[in-house]
Amino acid sequence: MIENKRGLLLVISGPSGVGKGTICKELLNDSTILSVSATTRNPRDGEENGVSYFFYDKEKFKTMIENDELMEWAEYCGNFYGTPKAFVESKLDEGKNVILEIEVQGAMKVKEKYPEGVYIFILPPSLEELKNRIIGRGTEDESVIETRMNQVTRELSFASEYNYFVENDKIENAVKKINAIIEAEKAKSDRCSAQLI
């Protein structure tokens, strides 16, 4: 009998517009959940505390930083965002796989503390295709698109720090590949114990 009680920490990154959010939603099931981030920004309409985010004031968030209670954190547009350790650890201990959909710098911070995590970098079929996807959203002007494409080049320089590359040519193909990675990682000898009865 093979026993593997602890869940996997799955860290998924990739350039803006590559489809990370859609892929992550497709991966969710009884055994795989999304991590809930903490933030100091105000809740938006329809957002629930503990579901969309954990909403904290800045004083509480800074205390969490000082007490090393976050796997990673960043300040963005005057607000703090981060991944609470306690939530992730409790879910991993329950045997759940926990997905962190985070940008590259955050992922590298997590990797320092959790080298046993599974780090997956989502790639577009091509840079041209990625640019077309961003343009297709119709939400950004040309200067923002160029800034995003420059950011892609910076992010790609970190790609070799990840365990796996998954090309998002089609969502269903990318999801299938990641599910295969999860199965393979769960079967690794250093993650489980085998007992013959």
C-alpha atoms as a PDB file:
ATOM      1  CA  MET A   1       0.000   0.000   0.000  1.00  0.00           C
ATOM      2  CA  ILE A   2       1.322   3.457  -0.878  1.00  0.00           C
ATOM      3  CA  GLU A   3       0.714   6.269   1.569  1.00  0.00           C
ATOM      4  CA  ASN A   4       0.986   9.922   0.650  1.00  0.00           C
ATOM      5  CA  LYS A   5      -0.868  12.014   3.178  1.00  0.00           C
ATOM      6  CA  ARG A   6       0.507  15.527   2.664  1.00  0.00           C
ATOM      7  CA  GLY A   7      -0.709  17.609  -0.253  1.00  0.00           C
ATOM      8  CA  LEU A   8       1.482  19.271  -2.873  1.00  0.00           C
ATOM      9  CA  LEU A   9       2.337  22.960  -2.929  1.00  0.00           C
ATOM     10  CA  LEU A  10       1.853  23.947  -6.590  1.00  0.00           C
ATOM     11  CA  VAL A  11       3.340  27.313  -7.548  1.00  0.00           C
ATOM     12  CA  ILE A  12       2.110  28.487 -10.952  1.00  0.00           C
ATOM     13  CA  SER A  13       3.557  31.546 -12.680  1.00  0.00           C
ATOM     14  CA  GLY A  14       3.757  32.954 -16.165  1.00  0.00           C
ATOM     15  CA  PRO A  15       3.399  36.180 -18.110  1.00  0.00           C
ATOM     16  CA  SER A  16       0.263  38.306 -17.999  1.00  0.00           C
ATOM     17  CA  GLY A  17      -2.195  37.103 -20.646  1.00  0.00           C
ATOM     18  CA  VAL A  18      -0.861  33.533 -20.758  1.00  0.00           C
ATOM     19  CA  GLY A  19      -4.041  32.100 -19.186  1.00  0.00           C
ATOM     20  CA  LYS A  20      -2.853  31.212 -15.669  1.00  0.00           C
ATOM     21  CA  GLY A  21      -6.154  32.111 -14.013  1.00  0.00           C
ATOM     22  CA  THR A  22      -8.223  30.004 -16.411  1.00  0.00           C
ATOM     23  CA  ILE A  23      -5.851  27.042 -16.054  1.00  0.00           C
ATOM     24  CA  CYS A  24      -5.908  27.255 -12.255  1.00  0.00           C
ATOM     25  CA  LYS A  25      -9.730  27.301 -12.175  1.00  0.00           C
ATOM     26  CA  GLU A  26      -9.799  24.170 -14.359  1.00  0.00           C
ATOM     27  CA  LEU A  27      -7.411  22.372 -11.984  1.00  0.00           C
ATOM     28  CA  LEU A  28      -9.663  22.819  -8.941  1.00  0.00           C
ATOM     29  CA  ASN A  29     -11.367  19.721  -7.553  1.00  0.00           C
ATOM     30  CA  ASP A  30     -11.920  17.943  -4.228  1.00  0.00           C
ATOM     31  CA  SER A  31      -8.184  17.494  -3.687  1.00  0.00           C
ATOM     32  CA  THR A  32      -6.790  20.662  -5.319  1.00  0.00           C
ATOM     33  CA  ILE A  33      -7.637  24.156  -4.066  1.00  0.00           C
ATOM     34  CA  LEU A  34      -6.487  27.727  -4.640  1.00  0.00           C
ATOM     35  CA  SER A  35      -4.593  29.462  -1.867  1.00  0.00           C
ATOM     36  CA  VAL A  36      -6.361  32.496  -0.405  1.00  0.00           C
ATOM     37  CA  SER A  37      -4.154  35.591  -0.350  1.00  0.00           C
ATOM     38  CA  ALA A  38      -4.159  38.344   2.256  1.00  0.00           C
ATOM     39  CA  THR A  39      -4.473  42.022   1.360  1.00  0.00           C
ATOM     40  CA  THR A  40      -4.845  45.418   2.977  1.00  0.00           C
ATOM     41  CA  ARG A  41      -7.027  46.807   0.188  1.00  0.00           C
ATOM     42  CA  ASN A  42     -10.738  47.258   0.784  1.00  0.00           C
ATOM     43  CA  PRO A  43     -13.084  44.462  -0.314  1.00  0.00           C
ATOM     44  CA  ARG A  44     -14.810  44.968  -3.664  1.00  0.00           C
ATOM     45  CA  ASP A  45     -18.492  44.212  -4.237  1.00  0.00           C
ATOM     46  CA  GLY A  46     -19.166  40.504  -3.887  1.00  0.00           C
ATOM     47  CA  GLU A  47     -15.791  39.654  -2.306  1.00  0.00           C
ATOM     48  CA  GLU A  48     -15.923  37.553   0.869  1.00  0.00           C
ATOM     49  CA  ASN A  49     -13.353  37.541   3.657  1.00  0.00           C
ATOM     50  CA  GLY A  50     -11.586  34.178   3.760  1.00  0.00           C
ATOM     51  CA  VAL A  51     -12.860  33.242   0.288  1.00  0.00           C
ATOM     52  CA  SER A  52     -11.727  35.981  -2.129  1.00  0.00           C
ATOM     53  CA  TYR A  53      -9.003  37.282   0.200  1.00  0.00           C
ATOM     54  CA  PHE A  54      -8.213  37.604   3.872  1.00  0.00           C
ATOM     55  CA  PHE A  55      -8.776  41.330   4.418  1.00  0.00           C
ATOM     56  CA  TYR A  56      -6.464  42.844   7.062  1.00  0.00           C
ATOM     57  CA  ASP A  57      -5.550  46.347   8.120  1.00  0.00           C
ATOM     58  CA  LYS A  58      -1.944  47.502   7.548  1.00  0.00           C
ATOM     59  CA  GLU A  59      -1.011  47.131  11.216  1.00  0.00           C
ATOM     60  CA  LYS A  60      -2.059  43.462  11.275  1.00  0.00           C
ATOM     61  CA  PHE A  61      -0.306  42.802   7.941  1.00  0.00           C
ATOM     62  CA  LYS A  62       2.952  44.391   9.164  1.00  0.00           C
ATOM     63  CA  THR A  63       2.788  42.260  12.320  1.00  0.00           C
ATOM     64  CA  MET A  64       2.427  39.183  10.106  1.00  0.00           C
ATOM     65  CA  ILE A  65       5.542  40.242   8.159  1.00  0.00           C
ATOM     66  CA  GLU A  66       7.522  40.747  11.399  1.00  0.00           C
ATOM     67  CA  ASN A  67       6.393  37.336  12.740  1.00  0.00           C
ATOM     68  CA  ASP A  68       7.302  35.539   9.475  1.00  0.00           C
ATOM     69  CA  GLU A  69       3.673  34.446   9.000  1.00  0.00           C
ATOM     70  CA  LEU A  70       3.702  34.979   5.217  1.00  0.00           C
ATOM     71  CA  MET A  71       5.208  32.728   2.556  1.00  0.00           C
ATOM     72  CA  GLU A  72       5.737  35.817   0.399  1.00  0.00           C
ATOM     73  CA  TRP A  73       4.454  39.380   0.270  1.00  0.00           C
ATOM     74  CA  ALA A  74       4.676  42.534  -1.815  1.00  0.00           C
ATOM     75  CA  GLU A  75       3.455  46.117  -1.741  1.00  0.00           C
ATOM     76  CA  TYR A  76       1.543  47.223  -4.807  1.00  0.00           C
ATOM     77  CA  CYS A  77      -0.173  50.600  -5.367  1.00  0.00           C
ATOM     78  CA  GLY A  78      -0.091  51.421  -1.648  1.00  0.00           C
ATOM     79  CA  ASN A  79      -1.556  48.101  -0.491  1.00  0.00           C
ATOM     80  CA  PHE A  80       0.065  44.914   0.782  1.00  0.00           C
ATOM     81  CA  TYR A  81      -0.578  41.465  -0.687  1.00  0.00           C
ATOM     82  CA  GLY A  82       0.757  38.153   0.579  1.00  0.00           C
ATOM     83  CA  THR A  83       0.262  34.430   1.130  1.00  0.00           C
ATOM     84  CA  PRO A  84      -0.481  33.427   4.757  1.00  0.00           C
ATOM     85  CA  LYS A  85       1.544  30.377   5.823  1.00  0.00           C
ATOM     86  CA  ALA A  86      -1.021  29.075   8.320  1.00  0.00           C
ATOM     87  CA  PHE A  87      -3.786  28.654   5.712  1.00  0.00           C
ATOM     88  CA  VAL A  88      -1.517  26.873   3.214  1.00  0.00           C
ATOM     89  CA  GLU A  89       0.115  24.633   5.845  1.00  0.00           C
ATOM     90  CA  SER A  90      -3.241  23.560   7.307  1.00  0.00           C
ATOM     91  CA  LYS A  91      -4.574  22.604   3.850  1.00  0.00           C
ATOM     92  CA  LEU A  92      -1.375  20.704   2.930  1.00  0.00           C
ATOM     93  CA  ASP A  93      -1.617  18.809   6.238  1.00  0.00           C
ATOM     94  CA  GLU A  94      -5.227  17.877   5.346  1.00  0.00           C
ATOM     95  CA  GLY A  95      -3.836  16.270   2.164  1.00  0.00           C
ATOM     96  CA  LYS A  96      -5.040  19.019  -0.174  1.00  0.00           C
ATOM     97  CA  ASN A  97      -2.907  20.214  -3.091  1.00  0.00           C
ATOM     98  CA  VAL A  98      -2.661  24.005  -2.790  1.00  0.00           C
ATOM     99  CA  ILE A  99      -2.163  26.206  -5.870  1.00  0.00           C
ATOM    100  CA  LEU A 100      -0.361  29.528  -5.504  1.00  0.00           C
ATOM    101  CA  GLU A 101      -0.925  31.568  -8.657  1.00  0.00           C
ATOM    102  CA  ILE A 102       1.737  34.230  -8.149  1.00  0.00           C
ATOM    103  CA  GLU A 103       4.193  36.367 -10.070  1.00  0.00           C
ATOM    104  CA  VAL A 104       7.817  35.351 -10.500  1.00  0.00           C
ATOM    105  CA  GLN A 105       9.370  37.407  -7.668  1.00  0.00           C
ATOM    106  CA  GLY A 106       6.856  36.003  -5.182  1.00  0.00           C
ATOM    107  CA  ALA A 107       7.462  32.485  -6.466  1.00  0.00           C
ATOM    108  CA  MET A 108      11.222  32.838  -5.909  1.00  0.00           C
ATOM    109  CA  LYS A 109      10.580  33.951  -2.310  1.00  0.00           C
ATOM    110  CA  VAL A 110       8.364  30.899  -1.749  1.00  0.00           C
ATOM    111  CA  LYS A 111      11.006  28.619  -3.302  1.00  0.00           C
ATOM    112  CA  GLU A 112      13.582  29.767  -0.740  1.00  0.00           C
ATOM    113  CA  LYS A 113      11.318  28.577   2.090  1.00  0.00           C
ATOM    114  CA  TYR A 114       9.590  25.666   0.303  1.00  0.00           C
ATOM    115  CA  PRO A 115      12.085  24.051  -2.089  1.00  0.00           C
ATOM    116  CA  GLU A 116       9.945  20.876  -2.042  1.00  0.00           C
ATOM    117  CA  GLY A 117       7.112  22.711  -3.821  1.00  0.00           C
ATOM    118  CA  VAL A 118       6.264  22.003  -7.463  1.00  0.00           C
ATOM    119  CA  TYR A 119       7.088  25.062  -9.572  1.00  0.00           C
ATOM    120  CA  ILE A 120       5.319  25.305 -12.945  1.00  0.00           C
ATOM    121  CA  PHE A 121       5.903  28.082 -15.477  1.00  0.00           C
ATOM    122  CA  ILE A 122       3.149  28.615 -18.059  1.00  0.00           C
ATOM    123  CA  LEU A 123       4.436  29.619 -21.496  1.00  0.00           C
ATOM    124  CA  PRO A 124       2.523  31.037 -24.461  1.00  0.00           C
ATOM    125  CA  PRO A 125       2.853  29.274 -27.846  1.00  0.00           C
ATOM    126  CA  SER A 126       4.843  32.370 -28.958  1.00  0.00           C
ATOM    127  CA  LEU A 127       5.452  35.975 -27.898  1.00  0.00           C
ATOM    128  CA  GLU A 128       3.407  37.117 -30.890  1.00  0.00           C
ATOM    129  CA  GLU A 129       0.460  34.982 -29.741  1.00  0.00           C
ATOM    130  CA  LEU A 130       0.791  36.393 -26.209  1.00  0.00           C
ATOM    131  CA  LYS A 131       0.762  39.966 -27.523  1.00  0.00           C
ATOM    132  CA  ASN A 132      -2.340  39.164 -29.603  1.00  0.00           C
ATOM    133  CA  ARG A 133      -4.094  37.775 -26.500  1.00  0.00           C
ATOM    134  CA  ILE A 134      -3.318  40.953 -24.526  1.00  0.00           C
ATOM    135  CA  ILE A 135      -4.477  43.159 -27.423  1.00  0.00           C
ATOM    136  CA  GLY A 136      -7.586  40.966 -27.745  1.00  0.00           C
ATOM    137  CA  ARG A 137      -8.661  41.843 -24.207  1.00  0.00           C
ATOM    138  CA  GLY A 138      -9.183  45.399 -25.427  1.00  0.00           C
ATOM    139  CA  THR A 139      -8.483  46.799 -21.958  1.00  0.00           C
ATOM    140  CA  GLU A 140      -5.013  48.311 -22.421  1.00  0.00           C
ATOM    141  CA  ASP A 141      -3.557  50.987 -24.656  1.00  0.00           C
ATOM    142  CA  GLU A 142      -0.369  50.541 -26.726  1.00  0.00           C
ATOM    143  CA  SER A 143       2.012  51.882 -24.057  1.00  0.00           C
ATOM    144  CA  VAL A 144       0.634  49.490 -21.402  1.00  0.00           C
ATOM    145  CA  ILE A 145       0.900  46.589 -23.863  1.00  0.00           C
ATOM    146  CA  GLU A 146       4.560  47.443 -24.528  1.00  0.00           C
ATOM    147  CA  THR A 147       5.236  47.643 -20.763  1.00  0.00           C
ATOM    148  CA  ARG A 148       3.627  44.221 -20.326  1.00  0.00           C
ATOM    149  CA  MET A 149       5.707  42.732 -23.143  1.00  0.00           C
ATOM    150  CA  ASN A 150       8.913  44.129 -21.575  1.00  0.00           C
ATOM    151  CA  GLN A 151       7.823  42.533 -18.284  1.00  0.00           C
ATOM    152  CA  VAL A 152       7.416  39.201 -20.116  1.00  0.00           C
ATOM    153  CA  THR A 153      11.100  39.290 -21.126  1.00  0.00           C
ATOM    154  CA  ARG A 154      12.113  39.874 -17.481  1.00  0.00           C
ATOM    155  CA  GLU A 155       9.851  37.057 -16.261  1.00  0.00           C
ATOM    156  CA  LEU A 156      11.164  34.611 -18.857  1.00  0.00           C
ATOM    157  CA  SER A 157      14.679  35.112 -17.459  1.00  0.00           C
ATOM    158  CA  PHE A 158      13.466  33.329 -14.281  1.00  0.00           C
ATOM    159  CA  ALA A 159      11.765  30.446 -16.106  1.00  0.00           C
ATOM    160  CA  SER A 160      14.721  28.073 -15.635  1.00  0.00           C
ATOM    161  CA  GLU A 161      14.187  28.298 -11.839  1.00  0.00           C
ATOM    162  CA  TYR A 162      10.945  26.308 -12.244  1.00  0.00           C
ATOM    163  CA  ASN A 163      10.628  22.499 -12.273  1.00  0.00           C
ATOM    164  CA  TYR A 164       8.318  22.366 -15.304  1.00  0.00           C
ATOM    165  CA  PHE A 165       7.350  24.331 -18.407  1.00  0.00           C
ATOM    166  CA  VAL A 166       3.784  23.949 -19.681  1.00  0.00           C
ATOM    167  CA  GLU A 167       2.821  25.573 -22.961  1.00  0.00           C
ATOM    168  CA  ASN A 168      -0.711  26.939 -23.006  1.00  0.00           C
ATOM    169  CA  ASP A 169      -1.611  26.296 -26.628  1.00  0.00           C
ATOM    170  CA  LYS A 170      -5.077  25.092 -25.571  1.00  0.00           C
ATOM    171  CA  ILE A 171      -6.429  25.243 -22.016  1.00  0.00           C
ATOM    172  CA  GLU A 172      -7.466  21.567 -21.956  1.00  0.00           C
ATOM    173  CA  ASN A 173      -3.971  20.464 -23.071  1.00  0.00           C
ATOM    174  CA  ALA A 174      -2.249  22.590 -20.421  1.00  0.00           C
ATOM    175  CA  VAL A 175      -4.592  21.296 -17.695  1.00  0.00           C
ATOM    176  CA  LYS A 176      -3.984  17.687 -18.803  1.00  0.00           C
ATOM    177  CA  LYS A 177      -0.192  18.211 -18.604  1.00  0.00           C
ATOM    178  CA  ILE A 178      -0.386  19.767 -15.127  1.00  0.00           C
ATOM    179  CA  ASN A 179      -2.623  16.948 -13.861  1.00  0.00           C
ATOM    180  CA  ALA A 180       0.007  14.478 -15.153  1.00  0.00           C
ATOM    181  CA  ILE A 181       2.713  16.444 -13.289  1.00  0.00           C
ATOM    182  CA  ILE A 182       0.630  16.272 -10.080  1.00  0.00           C
ATOM    183  CA  GLU A 183       0.222  12.488 -10.433  1.00  0.00           C
ATOM    184  CA  ALA A 184       3.946  11.989 -11.060  1.00  0.00           C
ATOM    185  CA  GLU A 185       4.962  14.241  -8.160  1.00  0.00           C
ATOM    186  CA  LYS A 186       2.583  12.441  -5.767  1.00  0.00           C
ATOM    187  CA  ALA A 187       4.208   9.117  -6.721  1.00  0.00           C
ATOM    188  CA  LYS A 188       7.795  10.269  -6.016  1.00  0.00           C
ATOM    189  CA  SER A 189       9.479   8.008  -3.481  1.00  0.00           C
ATOM    190  CA  ASP A 190      10.544  10.937  -1.284  1.00  0.00           C
ATOM    191  CA  ARG A 191       6.909  12.061  -0.954  1.00  0.00           C
ATOM    192  CA  CYS A 192       5.335   8.762   0.061  1.00  0.00           C
ATOM    193  CA  SER A 193       5.959   5.516   1.858  1.00  0.00           C
ATOM    194  CA  ALA A 194       5.229   2.043   0.560  1.00  0.00           C
ATOM    195  CA  GLN A 195       4.164  -0.838   2.781  1.00  0.00           C
ATOM    196  CA  LEU A 196       3.721  -4.378   1.620  1.00  0.00           C
ATOM    197  CA  ILE A 197       1.238  -6.403   3.650  1.00  0.00           C
END
